[in-house]
């Protein structure tokens, strides 16, 4: 059995990881956002809000304080939305007087650029915990719906870190988790960008489906979407090959084509005429692509990166462009060579 592992964030993915890991780890410590929610999970032993029907085993220790996690765990998964990452790290920083954080491995699972600074997650991590702690940082991404992870269905993801020793330790941890296969690489920036930007394309695919534009249109959006993601990633210094892998093409295929996708579902509802405000007000979980679209749009404008799909999704979400007009805007662009 693996040593105890900590998960900060009891949303759908954090809960799914806890359930999955509990089959292979001695204990799993699941940190909840509040004492009230922790008590509810302890009593019910399932997550009614985010992952119904999935039992939380007795070796999942539910807590609302960081000290319990850091006292017992060396590997910590950060399973909070990107918009909450900075505040979570600020809370973690407060434990430095009691715990040596440099002995922990932090694995970020957020797929977005929702922080107001528009920084990549590893830069947010660095800004709060310091440059020396980047050696203890890793990011996990890839096609991994929480509902399927919690059911121990076969899943493959990638994990990137700046530190090969960290990757070796994570390989050892995941070696025994046979249904959750990992691939490793050093392109932290590329993995973070792939996980974030595919949500924008998933929104676009959902809008297309909501308008009833068919399979051809969706396939075109996904194909040109991965080109757009790669263009943006290369401009920011990522390796273009990363976007052909699990955090790019793999995650895009899943998120943009499945009914389980929150981002695609939001897009479908927009395509059918619902307003973004009414959709978000009724959602319990976060659709990362909404905030990420704004961040990527602003960065693309600042750096003069050509992002036509992102541009029209931004206009639909934030400038009142009608979804039907957005598609026309894409189709009316000048004809160009495919690979230029």
Protein backbone atom coordinates (compact mmCIF):
# COMPACT_ATOMS: atom_id res chain seq x y z
CA UNK A 1 0.00 0.00 0.00
CA UNK A 2 1.09 3.58 -0.68
CA UNK A 3 1.82 5.97 2.16
CA UNK A 4 -0.91 8.45 3.22
CA UNK A 5 -1.73 11.12 0.66
CA UNK A 6 -3.46 14.48 1.07
CA UNK A 7 -6.04 16.15 -1.14
CA UNK A 8 -6.92 19.79 -0.66
CA UNK A 9 -10.33 20.47 -2.18
CA UNK A 10 -13.47 18.37 -1.79
CA UNK A 11 -15.18 19.21 -5.06
CA UNK A 12 -15.89 16.59 -7.70
CA UNK A 13 -12.29 15.91 -8.74
CA UNK A 14 -10.81 16.09 -5.26
CA UNK A 15 -13.44 13.65 -4.00
CA UNK A 16 -12.89 11.38 -7.00
CA UNK A 17 -9.13 11.28 -6.36
CA UNK A 18 -9.77 10.49 -2.69
CA UNK A 19 -12.03 7.56 -3.59
CA UNK A 20 -9.62 6.29 -6.24
CA UNK A 21 -6.50 6.58 -4.10
CA UNK A 22 -8.20 5.06 -1.04
CA UNK A 23 -8.13 1.68 -2.77
CA UNK A 24 -4.33 1.80 -3.01
CA UNK A 25 -3.15 4.07 -0.17
CA UNK A 26 -3.00 3.41 3.55
CA UNK A 27 -5.02 6.57 4.24
CA UNK A 28 -6.28 9.54 2.25
CA UNK A 29 -6.74 12.92 3.93
CA UNK A 30 -9.46 15.00 2.26
CA UNK A 31 -9.40 18.69 3.19
CA UNK A 32 -12.80 20.42 2.95
CA UNK A 33 -13.45 24.11 2.53
CA UNK A 34 -15.37 24.45 5.83
CA UNK A 35 -16.00 22.68 9.11
CA UNK A 36 -19.70 22.36 8.27
CA UNK A 37 -19.03 20.60 4.96
CA UNK A 38 -16.45 18.33 6.58
CA UNK A 39 -18.96 17.29 9.25
CA UNK A 40 -21.56 16.59 6.56
CA UNK A 41 -19.18 14.34 4.63
CA UNK A 42 -18.17 12.54 7.82
CA UNK A 43 -21.81 11.82 8.60
CA UNK A 44 -23.07 10.91 5.13
CA UNK A 45 -19.87 9.33 3.77
CA UNK A 46 -20.69 10.59 0.28
CA UNK A 47 -20.48 13.96 -1.47
CA UNK A 48 -24.07 14.91 -2.21
CA UNK A 49 -23.19 18.18 -3.95
CA UNK A 50 -20.42 17.11 -6.29
CA UNK A 51 -20.27 13.32 -6.62
CA UNK A 52 -23.49 11.57 -5.67
CA UNK A 53 -23.62 7.83 -5.29
CA UNK A 54 -19.92 7.36 -4.53
CA UNK A 55 -19.11 6.05 -1.07
CA UNK A 56 -16.22 7.52 0.93
CA UNK A 57 -14.36 4.59 2.47
CA UNK A 58 -13.33 4.52 6.12
CA UNK A 59 -9.67 5.12 5.26
CA UNK A 60 -10.61 8.54 3.81
CA UNK A 61 -9.98 10.94 6.69
CA UNK A 62 -12.14 14.04 6.27
CA UNK A 63 -10.91 17.26 7.82
CA UNK A 64 -11.30 21.03 7.57
CA UNK A 65 -7.80 21.99 8.73
CA UNK A 66 -4.48 21.99 6.92
CA UNK A 67 -2.47 20.82 9.92
CA UNK A 68 -4.05 17.36 9.84
CA UNK A 69 -3.04 17.02 6.19
CA UNK A 70 0.54 18.27 6.48
CA UNK A 71 1.19 16.33 9.69
CA UNK A 72 0.44 13.06 7.93
CA UNK A 73 1.14 13.47 4.21
CA UNK A 74 4.14 14.08 1.97
CA UNK A 75 2.26 14.21 -1.33
CA UNK A 76 -0.43 16.87 -1.55
CA UNK A 77 -2.88 17.20 -4.43
CA UNK A 78 -4.29 20.71 -4.94
CA UNK A 79 -7.78 20.01 -6.28
CA UNK A 80 -9.30 23.48 -6.20
CA UNK A 81 -10.53 25.65 -9.10
CA UNK A 82 -7.85 27.88 -10.59
CA UNK A 83 -9.70 30.98 -9.37
CA UNK A 84 -9.29 29.70 -5.78
CA UNK A 85 -5.67 28.56 -6.11
CA UNK A 86 -4.00 31.72 -4.81
CA UNK A 87 -6.19 31.97 -1.70
CA UNK A 88 -5.62 28.27 -1.00
CA UNK A 89 -1.85 28.72 -1.27
CA UNK A 90 -2.00 31.76 1.01
CA UNK A 91 -3.70 29.58 3.63
CA UNK A 92 -1.07 26.88 3.15
CA UNK A 93 1.70 29.45 3.58
CA UNK A 94 0.40 30.18 7.09
CA UNK A 95 1.36 26.63 8.16
CA UNK A 96 5.08 27.21 7.50
CA UNK A 97 5.78 27.91 11.16
CA UNK A 98 4.67 24.38 12.06
CA UNK A 99 5.58 22.32 8.99
CA UNK A 100 8.49 22.13 6.59
CA UNK A 101 6.66 22.57 3.29
CA UNK A 102 9.89 21.97 1.38
CA UNK A 103 9.50 18.29 2.22
CA UNK A 104 6.12 18.06 0.47
CA UNK A 105 5.27 17.44 -3.16
CA UNK A 106 2.43 19.63 -4.41
CA UNK A 107 0.47 18.36 -7.42
CA UNK A 108 -1.84 20.96 -8.94
CA UNK A 109 -4.91 19.65 -10.80
CA UNK A 110 -6.62 22.96 -11.71
CA UNK A 111 -7.27 23.40 -15.44
CA UNK A 112 -7.63 27.11 -15.95
CA UNK A 113 -6.20 30.62 -15.87
CA UNK A 114 -8.87 32.03 -13.61
CA UNK A 115 -6.61 34.02 -11.31
CA UNK A 116 -6.99 37.80 -11.77
CA UNK A 117 -3.26 38.09 -12.43
CA UNK A 118 -3.76 35.91 -15.58
CA UNK A 119 -0.64 34.00 -14.51
CA UNK A 120 -0.14 30.30 -15.13
CA UNK A 121 -0.74 28.17 -12.01
CA UNK A 122 2.96 27.50 -11.43
CA UNK A 123 3.61 31.26 -11.42
CA UNK A 124 0.82 31.75 -8.86
CA UNK A 125 2.42 28.96 -6.80
CA UNK A 126 5.81 30.67 -7.05
CA UNK A 127 4.45 34.10 -6.18
CA UNK A 128 2.95 32.80 -2.92
CA UNK A 129 5.40 30.14 -1.73
CA UNK A 130 8.62 31.40 -3.35
CA UNK A 131 10.91 30.37 -6.20
CA UNK A 132 12.65 27.65 -4.20
CA UNK A 133 9.33 25.80 -3.82
CA UNK A 134 8.95 25.39 -7.60
CA UNK A 135 11.21 22.35 -7.19
CA UNK A 136 8.38 20.80 -5.20
CA UNK A 137 5.65 21.59 -7.74
CA UNK A 138 4.00 19.34 -10.31
CA UNK A 139 0.89 19.64 -12.46
CA UNK A 140 -1.49 16.84 -13.42
CA UNK A 141 -3.69 17.11 -16.51
CA UNK A 142 -5.37 14.99 -19.14
CA UNK A 143 -8.73 13.36 -19.97
CA UNK A 144 -10.03 12.50 -16.50
CA UNK A 145 -13.70 13.06 -15.70
CA UNK A 146 -14.27 12.83 -11.94
CA UNK A 147 -17.20 10.42 -12.20
CA UNK A 148 -15.09 7.85 -14.05
CA UNK A 149 -12.01 8.33 -11.87
CA UNK A 150 -14.16 7.66 -8.78
CA UNK A 151 -15.39 4.39 -10.34
CA UNK A 152 -11.81 3.21 -10.88
CA UNK A 153 -12.25 3.16 -14.65
CA UNK A 154 -9.02 3.18 -16.72
CA UNK A 155 -7.63 6.71 -16.99
CA UNK A 156 -4.39 8.10 -18.42
CA UNK A 157 -3.02 11.52 -17.51
CA UNK A 158 0.30 13.35 -17.69
CA UNK A 159 2.27 14.93 -14.88
CA UNK A 160 4.88 17.60 -15.46
CA UNK A 161 7.47 19.02 -13.09
CA UNK A 162 10.67 21.04 -13.23
CA UNK A 163 12.29 18.42 -10.99
CA UNK A 164 12.96 14.88 -12.25
CA UNK A 165 13.30 13.60 -8.67
CA UNK A 166 9.74 14.70 -7.96
CA UNK A 167 8.57 12.87 -11.07
CA UNK A 168 10.38 9.73 -9.89
CA UNK A 169 8.61 9.90 -6.53
CA UNK A 170 5.25 10.35 -8.23
CA UNK A 171 5.98 7.41 -10.53
CA UNK A 172 6.50 5.29 -7.43
CA UNK A 173 3.21 6.50 -5.94
CA UNK A 174 1.19 5.86 -9.09
CA UNK A 175 2.86 2.54 -9.88
CA UNK A 176 0.43 0.75 -7.58
CA UNK A 177 -2.63 2.63 -8.83
CA UNK A 178 -3.15 0.42 -11.83
CA UNK A 179 -6.30 2.08 -13.20
CA UNK A 180 -4.76 5.57 -13.15
CA UNK A 181 -1.78 5.55 -15.52
CA UNK A 182 0.57 8.53 -15.66
CA UNK A 183 3.03 9.76 -18.27
CA UNK A 184 5.72 12.25 -17.23
CA UNK A 185 7.34 15.24 -18.89
CA UNK A 186 9.11 18.48 -17.98
CA UNK A 187 6.96 20.96 -19.93
CA UNK A 188 5.02 22.41 -16.99
CA UNK A 189 3.93 25.43 -19.00
CA UNK A 190 2.61 23.32 -21.88
CA UNK A 191 0.66 20.96 -19.62
CA UNK A 192 -0.93 23.88 -17.78
CA UNK A 193 -1.85 25.64 -21.02
CA UNK A 194 -3.24 22.51 -22.66
CA UNK A 195 -5.48 21.79 -19.69
CA UNK A 196 -6.72 25.37 -19.59
CA UNK A 197 -7.20 26.26 -23.26
CA UNK A 198 -9.10 23.12 -24.25
CA UNK A 199 -11.95 24.43 -22.10
CA UNK A 200 -12.34 27.42 -24.43
CA UNK A 201 -12.61 25.12 -27.44
CA UNK A 202 -15.08 22.95 -25.51
CA UNK A 203 -17.25 26.03 -24.98
CA UNK A 204 -17.08 26.72 -28.72
CA UNK A 205 -17.98 23.12 -29.56
CA UNK A 206 -20.89 23.29 -27.15
CA UNK A 207 -22.17 26.50 -28.72
CA UNK A 208 -21.97 24.84 -32.13
CA UNK A 209 -23.89 21.81 -30.87
CA UNK A 210 -26.44 24.06 -29.17
CA UNK A 211 -27.05 25.76 -32.51
CA UNK A 212 -27.49 22.34 -34.14
CA UNK A 213 -24.62 22.80 -36.58
CA UNK A 214 -23.72 19.12 -36.71
CA UNK A 215 -20.72 16.83 -36.47
CA UNK A 216 -18.77 18.42 -39.33
CA UNK A 217 -18.76 21.79 -37.57
CA UNK A 218 -17.68 20.26 -34.26
CA UNK A 219 -14.84 18.35 -35.92
CA UNK A 220 -13.66 21.53 -37.63
CA UNK A 221 -13.69 23.43 -34.34
CA UNK A 222 -11.70 20.74 -32.56
CA UNK A 223 -9.12 20.49 -35.33
CA UNK A 224 -8.62 24.22 -35.65
CA UNK A 225 -8.87 24.50 -31.89
CA UNK A 226 -5.80 22.37 -31.27
CA UNK A 227 -3.96 24.52 -33.83
CA UNK A 228 -4.97 27.61 -31.89
CA UNK A 229 -3.97 26.08 -28.55
CA UNK A 230 -0.57 25.11 -29.96
CA UNK A 231 -0.03 28.57 -31.47
CA UNK A 232 -0.72 30.20 -28.11
CA UNK A 233 1.44 27.70 -26.23
CA UNK A 234 4.43 28.14 -28.52
CA UNK A 235 4.15 31.93 -28.22
CA UNK A 236 4.43 31.54 -24.44
CA UNK A 237 7.41 29.20 -24.67
CA UNK A 238 5.79 25.76 -24.40
CA UNK A 239 6.81 22.71 -26.45
CA UNK A 240 4.42 22.21 -29.38
CA UNK A 241 4.62 18.42 -28.99
CA UNK A 242 2.94 18.67 -25.58
CA UNK A 243 -0.31 19.70 -27.23
CA UNK A 244 -0.47 16.48 -29.24
CA UNK A 245 -0.52 14.55 -25.98
CA UNK A 246 -2.88 13.89 -23.08
CA UNK A 247 -3.10 17.43 -21.73
CA UNK A 248 -3.78 18.87 -25.20
CA UNK A 249 -5.44 16.68 -27.80
CA UNK A 250 -6.45 13.99 -25.31
CA UNK A 251 -8.25 16.32 -22.92
CA UNK A 252 -9.76 18.31 -25.79
CA UNK A 253 -11.30 15.17 -27.32
CA UNK A 254 -12.93 14.31 -23.99
CA UNK A 255 -14.08 17.75 -22.89
CA UNK A 256 -15.43 18.96 -26.21
CA UNK A 257 -17.42 15.86 -27.12
CA UNK A 258 -18.84 14.41 -23.91
CA UNK A 259 -22.14 15.15 -22.20
CA UNK A 260 -20.28 14.97 -18.86
CA UNK A 261 -18.29 18.11 -19.75
CA UNK A 262 -19.28 21.23 -17.80
CA UNK A 263 -17.70 23.54 -20.36
CA UNK A 264 -19.41 21.89 -23.31
CA UNK A 265 -22.71 21.91 -21.41
CA UNK A 266 -22.40 25.64 -20.76
CA UNK A 267 -21.69 26.17 -24.47
CA UNK A 268 -24.73 24.11 -25.50
CA UNK A 269 -27.01 26.16 -23.27
CA UNK A 270 -25.58 29.41 -24.64
CA UNK A 271 -26.11 28.11 -28.17
CA UNK A 272 -29.73 27.42 -27.29
CA UNK A 273 -30.25 30.98 -26.14
CA UNK A 274 -29.65 31.02 -22.38
CA UNK A 275 -27.66 33.86 -20.86
CA UNK A 276 -24.29 33.21 -19.26
CA UNK A 277 -25.40 34.80 -15.97
CA UNK A 278 -28.42 32.54 -15.57
CA UNK A 279 -26.36 29.46 -16.41
CA UNK A 280 -23.60 30.23 -13.91
CA UNK A 281 -26.04 31.11 -11.13
CA UNK A 282 -27.54 27.64 -11.37
CA UNK A 283 -24.22 25.75 -11.38
CA UNK A 284 -22.70 24.14 -8.29
CA UNK A 285 -19.40 23.35 -10.02
CA UNK A 286 -17.00 25.64 -11.89
CA UNK A 287 -16.78 25.75 -15.68
CA UNK A 288 -13.11 26.81 -15.88
CA UNK A 289 -13.37 27.90 -19.52
CA UNK A 290 -15.48 30.96 -18.73
CA UNK A 291 -12.79 32.75 -16.73
CA UNK A 292 -9.98 31.25 -18.83
CA UNK A 293 -11.47 32.72 -22.01
CA UNK A 294 -11.11 36.22 -20.59
CA UNK A 295 -7.52 35.63 -19.45
CA UNK A 296 -6.40 34.06 -22.74
CA UNK A 297 -8.17 36.74 -24.80
CA UNK A 298 -6.35 39.47 -22.90
CA UNK A 299 -2.95 37.76 -23.16
CA UNK A 300 -3.48 37.11 -26.89
CA UNK A 301 -4.28 40.78 -27.50
CA UNK A 302 -1.26 41.90 -25.50
CA UNK A 303 1.10 39.55 -27.34
CA UNK A 304 -0.61 39.78 -30.75
CA UNK A 305 -1.38 36.04 -30.97
CA UNK A 306 -3.96 35.09 -33.61
CA UNK A 307 -6.81 33.33 -31.73
CA UNK A 308 -10.00 33.51 -33.85
CA UNK A 309 -12.01 30.88 -31.94
CA UNK A 310 -11.09 32.35 -28.57
CA UNK A 311 -11.95 35.81 -29.88
CA UNK A 312 -15.50 34.86 -30.89
CA UNK A 313 -16.09 32.86 -27.69
CA UNK A 314 -14.97 35.91 -25.71
CA UNK A 315 -17.33 38.12 -27.70
CA UNK A 316 -20.24 35.75 -27.02
CA UNK A 317 -19.50 35.50 -23.30
CA UNK A 318 -18.60 39.10 -22.56
CA UNK A 319 -19.67 41.39 -25.40
CA UNK A 320 -23.15 40.16 -26.27
CA UNK A 321 -22.33 38.68 -29.69
CA UNK A 322 -25.08 36.29 -30.77
CA UNK A 323 -23.86 32.67 -31.09
CA UNK A 324 -25.19 32.45 -34.66
CA UNK A 325 -23.27 35.59 -35.59
CA UNK A 326 -20.12 34.16 -33.98
CA UNK A 327 -20.17 31.20 -36.36
CA UNK A 328 -20.65 33.51 -39.34
CA UNK A 329 -17.72 35.60 -38.11
CA UNK A 330 -15.50 32.51 -38.15
CA UNK A 331 -16.67 31.37 -41.58
CA UNK A 332 -16.24 34.79 -43.23
CA UNK A 333 -12.52 35.07 -42.47
CA UNK A 334 -10.08 35.19 -45.38
CA UNK A 335 -9.07 31.80 -46.81
CA UNK A 336 -5.54 30.79 -45.84
CA UNK A 337 -3.15 27.84 -46.13
CA UNK A 338 -3.92 25.21 -43.52
CA UNK A 339 -0.49 24.92 -41.96
CA UNK A 340 0.59 28.55 -42.00
